[in-house]
Amino acid sequence: MSFSVSAGQRFETMDKIDFGWGKLIFGSCHVPSERKDCFVMTMGSPMNNKDWVVYMHMPKKHMKYVEAHASHIIKPLNADYLKI
């Protein structure tokens, strides 16, 4: 099994992008579902300088392990957190 860890950055142009319904508050990455390796990427939170957004692409058994052992640290990203 291979595993990649990357650190993302906030897009510098995000503050200038408006698709007609208001300025963007959050940008995301895309990991193709066909990808066979595990992938973890961290990005600073758009809502709180102390938080991070962590993207994980890995087998379900590994995700279940993370959910079981790190649920006090890692929380699902949702609309309430993003205030949308």
N, C-alpha and C. Protein backbone atom coordinates (compact mmCIF):
# COMPACT_ATOMS: atom_id res chain seq x y z
N MET A 1 0.85 -1.17 0.00
CA MET A 1 0.00 0.00 0.00
C MET A 1 0.90 1.24 0.00
N SER A 2 0.56 2.20 -0.82
CA SER A 2 1.30 3.46 -0.79
C SER A 2 0.44 4.53 -0.13
N PHE A 3 1.09 5.53 0.40
CA PHE A 3 0.40 6.55 1.18
C PHE A 3 1.06 7.89 0.90
N SER A 4 0.29 8.88 0.48
CA SER A 4 0.80 10.22 0.22
C SER A 4 0.24 11.19 1.25
N VAL A 5 1.06 12.08 1.73
CA VAL A 5 0.62 13.14 2.63
C VAL A 5 1.05 14.46 2.01
N SER A 6 0.12 15.38 1.93
CA SER A 6 0.40 16.66 1.29
C SER A 6 -0.18 17.79 2.12
N ALA A 7 0.36 18.96 2.00
CA ALA A 7 -0.17 20.14 2.67
C ALA A 7 -0.70 21.10 1.61
N GLY A 8 -1.97 21.39 1.67
CA GLY A 8 -2.58 22.31 0.71
C GLY A 8 -2.48 23.74 1.18
N GLN A 9 -2.73 24.63 0.29
CA GLN A 9 -2.72 26.06 0.57
C GLN A 9 -4.08 26.63 0.21
N ARG A 10 -4.43 27.70 0.81
CA ARG A 10 -5.64 28.41 0.41
C ARG A 10 -5.37 29.08 -0.92
N PHE A 11 -6.29 28.99 -1.87
CA PHE A 11 -6.11 29.61 -3.17
C PHE A 11 -6.11 31.13 -3.01
N GLU A 12 -5.09 31.77 -3.52
CA GLU A 12 -4.97 33.22 -3.37
C GLU A 12 -6.10 33.96 -4.07
N THR A 13 -6.65 33.40 -5.14
CA THR A 13 -7.71 34.08 -5.89
C THR A 13 -9.10 33.82 -5.31
N MET A 14 -9.22 32.97 -4.28
CA MET A 14 -10.53 32.63 -3.75
C MET A 14 -11.32 33.86 -3.32
N ASP A 15 -10.67 34.84 -2.74
CA ASP A 15 -11.38 36.03 -2.27
C ASP A 15 -11.97 36.85 -3.41
N LYS A 16 -11.51 36.61 -4.63
CA LYS A 16 -11.98 37.38 -5.79
C LYS A 16 -13.01 36.63 -6.63
N ILE A 17 -13.23 35.35 -6.35
CA ILE A 17 -14.14 34.53 -7.16
C ILE A 17 -15.57 34.68 -6.66
N ASP A 18 -16.49 34.94 -7.58
CA ASP A 18 -17.91 35.03 -7.27
C ASP A 18 -18.67 34.44 -8.46
N PHE A 19 -19.39 33.35 -8.26
CA PHE A 19 -20.14 32.71 -9.33
C PHE A 19 -21.57 33.25 -9.44
N GLY A 20 -21.85 34.33 -8.71
CA GLY A 20 -23.17 34.94 -8.78
C GLY A 20 -23.99 34.77 -7.53
N TRP A 21 -23.54 33.97 -6.60
CA TRP A 21 -24.28 33.78 -5.35
C TRP A 21 -23.46 34.19 -4.12
N GLY A 22 -22.40 34.93 -4.36
CA GLY A 22 -21.56 35.43 -3.27
C GLY A 22 -20.15 34.88 -3.37
N LYS A 23 -19.25 35.48 -2.61
CA LYS A 23 -17.85 35.07 -2.65
C LYS A 23 -17.66 33.69 -2.02
N LEU A 24 -16.67 33.00 -2.51
CA LEU A 24 -16.35 31.67 -1.98
C LEU A 24 -15.77 31.79 -0.57
N ILE A 25 -16.13 30.83 0.27
CA ILE A 25 -15.51 30.78 1.59
C ILE A 25 -14.66 29.53 1.76
N PHE A 26 -14.81 28.58 0.83
CA PHE A 26 -14.11 27.32 1.01
C PHE A 26 -13.77 26.71 -0.35
N GLY A 27 -12.53 26.30 -0.52
CA GLY A 27 -12.09 25.58 -1.71
C GLY A 27 -11.74 24.16 -1.33
N SER A 28 -11.93 23.24 -2.22
CA SER A 28 -11.72 21.83 -1.93
C SER A 28 -10.78 21.19 -2.94
N CYS A 29 -10.29 20.03 -2.60
CA CYS A 29 -9.47 19.29 -3.55
C CYS A 29 -10.29 18.12 -4.09
N HIS A 30 -9.85 17.56 -5.17
CA HIS A 30 -10.52 16.40 -5.77
C HIS A 30 -9.53 15.25 -5.82
N VAL A 31 -9.97 14.11 -5.33
CA VAL A 31 -9.17 12.89 -5.42
C VAL A 31 -10.00 11.88 -6.20
N PRO A 32 -9.57 11.51 -7.40
CA PRO A 32 -10.34 10.56 -8.21
C PRO A 32 -10.58 9.25 -7.47
N SER A 33 -11.78 8.72 -7.57
CA SER A 33 -12.12 7.48 -6.86
C SER A 33 -11.31 6.29 -7.36
N GLU A 34 -10.79 6.38 -8.59
CA GLU A 34 -9.99 5.28 -9.13
C GLU A 34 -8.60 5.21 -8.49
N ARG A 35 -8.22 6.26 -7.82
CA ARG A 35 -6.88 6.30 -7.24
C ARG A 35 -6.72 5.16 -6.24
N LYS A 36 -5.65 4.40 -6.35
CA LYS A 36 -5.45 3.21 -5.52
C LYS A 36 -4.63 3.48 -4.26
N ASP A 37 -3.82 4.54 -4.26
CA ASP A 37 -3.03 4.81 -3.07
C ASP A 37 -3.85 5.59 -2.05
N CYS A 38 -3.37 5.62 -0.84
CA CYS A 38 -4.01 6.40 0.21
C CYS A 38 -3.50 7.84 0.12
N PHE A 39 -4.35 8.79 0.45
CA PHE A 39 -4.00 10.18 0.30
C PHE A 39 -4.56 10.97 1.46
N VAL A 40 -3.72 11.78 2.07
CA VAL A 40 -4.16 12.69 3.13
C VAL A 40 -3.62 14.07 2.80
N MET A 41 -4.51 15.06 2.81
CA MET A 41 -4.08 16.43 2.55
C MET A 41 -4.68 17.33 3.61
N THR A 42 -3.87 18.20 4.13
CA THR A 42 -4.34 19.16 5.12
C THR A 42 -4.40 20.56 4.52
N MET A 43 -5.38 21.31 4.93
CA MET A 43 -5.52 22.71 4.53
C MET A 43 -5.98 23.50 5.75
N GLY A 44 -5.56 24.75 5.83
CA GLY A 44 -6.05 25.60 6.90
C GLY A 44 -7.55 25.81 6.77
N SER A 45 -8.23 25.92 7.87
CA SER A 45 -9.67 26.13 7.86
C SER A 45 -9.99 27.56 7.44
N PRO A 46 -11.06 27.75 6.66
CA PRO A 46 -11.48 29.10 6.30
C PRO A 46 -12.23 29.79 7.43
N MET A 47 -12.58 29.05 8.48
CA MET A 47 -13.42 29.58 9.54
C MET A 47 -12.67 29.89 10.84
N ASN A 48 -11.55 29.21 11.06
CA ASN A 48 -10.90 29.33 12.36
C ASN A 48 -9.41 29.04 12.15
N ASN A 49 -8.57 29.96 12.51
CA ASN A 49 -7.13 29.79 12.30
C ASN A 49 -6.54 28.64 13.12
N LYS A 50 -7.27 28.15 14.10
CA LYS A 50 -6.77 27.04 14.92
C LYS A 50 -7.17 25.68 14.36
N ASP A 51 -8.08 25.65 13.39
CA ASP A 51 -8.57 24.40 12.82
C ASP A 51 -7.88 24.08 11.50
N TRP A 52 -7.92 22.82 11.14
CA TRP A 52 -7.45 22.35 9.84
C TRP A 52 -8.56 21.55 9.19
N VAL A 53 -8.59 21.56 7.88
CA VAL A 53 -9.46 20.66 7.12
C VAL A 53 -8.54 19.55 6.62
N VAL A 54 -8.93 18.31 6.87
CA VAL A 54 -8.10 17.16 6.50
C VAL A 54 -8.90 16.28 5.53
N TYR A 55 -8.38 16.14 4.31
CA TYR A 55 -8.98 15.26 3.32
C TYR A 55 -8.31 13.90 3.44
N MET A 56 -9.12 12.83 3.46
CA MET A 56 -8.56 11.49 3.53
C MET A 56 -9.19 10.60 2.47
N HIS A 57 -8.36 9.94 1.72
CA HIS A 57 -8.79 8.95 0.72
C HIS A 57 -8.05 7.67 1.06
N MET A 58 -8.78 6.73 1.65
CA MET A 58 -8.16 5.48 2.08
C MET A 58 -9.22 4.41 2.21
N PRO A 59 -8.83 3.16 2.30
CA PRO A 59 -9.81 2.08 2.43
C PRO A 59 -10.72 2.28 3.65
N LYS A 60 -11.94 1.77 3.54
CA LYS A 60 -12.93 1.94 4.61
C LYS A 60 -12.42 1.44 5.95
N LYS A 61 -11.67 0.33 5.95
CA LYS A 61 -11.21 -0.20 7.24
C LYS A 61 -10.28 0.80 7.93
N HIS A 62 -9.49 1.54 7.16
CA HIS A 62 -8.61 2.55 7.75
C HIS A 62 -9.40 3.77 8.20
N MET A 63 -10.42 4.15 7.43
CA MET A 63 -11.27 5.27 7.83
C MET A 63 -12.02 4.92 9.13
N LYS A 64 -12.50 3.69 9.22
CA LYS A 64 -13.20 3.27 10.44
C LYS A 64 -12.26 3.33 11.65
N TYR A 65 -10.99 2.98 11.43
CA TYR A 65 -10.00 3.07 12.50
C TYR A 65 -9.82 4.53 12.95
N VAL A 66 -9.68 5.43 11.98
CA VAL A 66 -9.53 6.85 12.30
C VAL A 66 -10.76 7.35 13.05
N GLU A 67 -11.95 6.99 12.56
CA GLU A 67 -13.18 7.42 13.22
C GLU A 67 -13.28 6.87 14.64
N ALA A 68 -12.84 5.64 14.85
CA ALA A 68 -12.93 5.01 16.18
C ALA A 68 -11.92 5.58 17.16
N HIS A 69 -10.72 5.92 16.67
CA HIS A 69 -9.64 6.31 17.58
C HIS A 69 -9.31 7.80 17.59
N ALA A 70 -9.87 8.56 16.67
CA ALA A 70 -9.54 9.99 16.62
C ALA A 70 -10.79 10.88 16.52
N SER A 71 -11.96 10.33 16.84
CA SER A 71 -13.18 11.12 16.71
C SER A 71 -13.22 12.31 17.67
N HIS A 72 -12.40 12.29 18.69
CA HIS A 72 -12.32 13.44 19.61
C HIS A 72 -11.52 14.59 19.00
N ILE A 73 -10.79 14.31 17.92
CA ILE A 73 -9.97 15.32 17.25
C ILE A 73 -10.53 15.65 15.87
N ILE A 74 -10.89 14.62 15.11
CA ILE A 74 -11.34 14.79 13.73
C ILE A 74 -12.87 14.74 13.69
N LYS A 75 -13.46 15.82 13.20
CA LYS A 75 -14.92 15.93 13.10
C LYS A 75 -15.29 16.08 11.63
N PRO A 76 -16.48 15.59 11.24
CA PRO A 76 -16.92 15.77 9.85
C PRO A 76 -17.08 17.25 9.51
N LEU A 77 -16.72 17.61 8.31
CA LEU A 77 -16.91 18.98 7.83
C LEU A 77 -18.38 19.09 7.38
N ASN A 78 -19.09 20.10 7.88
CA ASN A 78 -20.50 20.23 7.50
C ASN A 78 -20.88 21.69 7.33
N ALA A 79 -22.11 21.91 6.89
CA ALA A 79 -22.59 23.27 6.61
C ALA A 79 -22.65 24.12 7.88
N ASP A 80 -22.95 23.51 9.02
CA ASP A 80 -22.97 24.28 10.27
C ASP A 80 -21.61 24.87 10.59
N TYR A 81 -20.57 24.07 10.43
CA TYR A 81 -19.21 24.57 10.68
C TYR A 81 -18.86 25.71 9.72
N LEU A 82 -19.25 25.55 8.44
CA LEU A 82 -18.94 26.56 7.43
C LEU A 82 -19.91 27.75 7.47
N LYS A 83 -20.95 27.64 8.31
CA LYS A 83 -21.96 28.71 8.47
C LYS A 83 -22.63 29.05 7.13
N ILE A 84 -23.01 27.98 6.43
CA ILE A 84 -23.71 28.20 5.15
C ILE A 84 -25.07 27.51 5.19
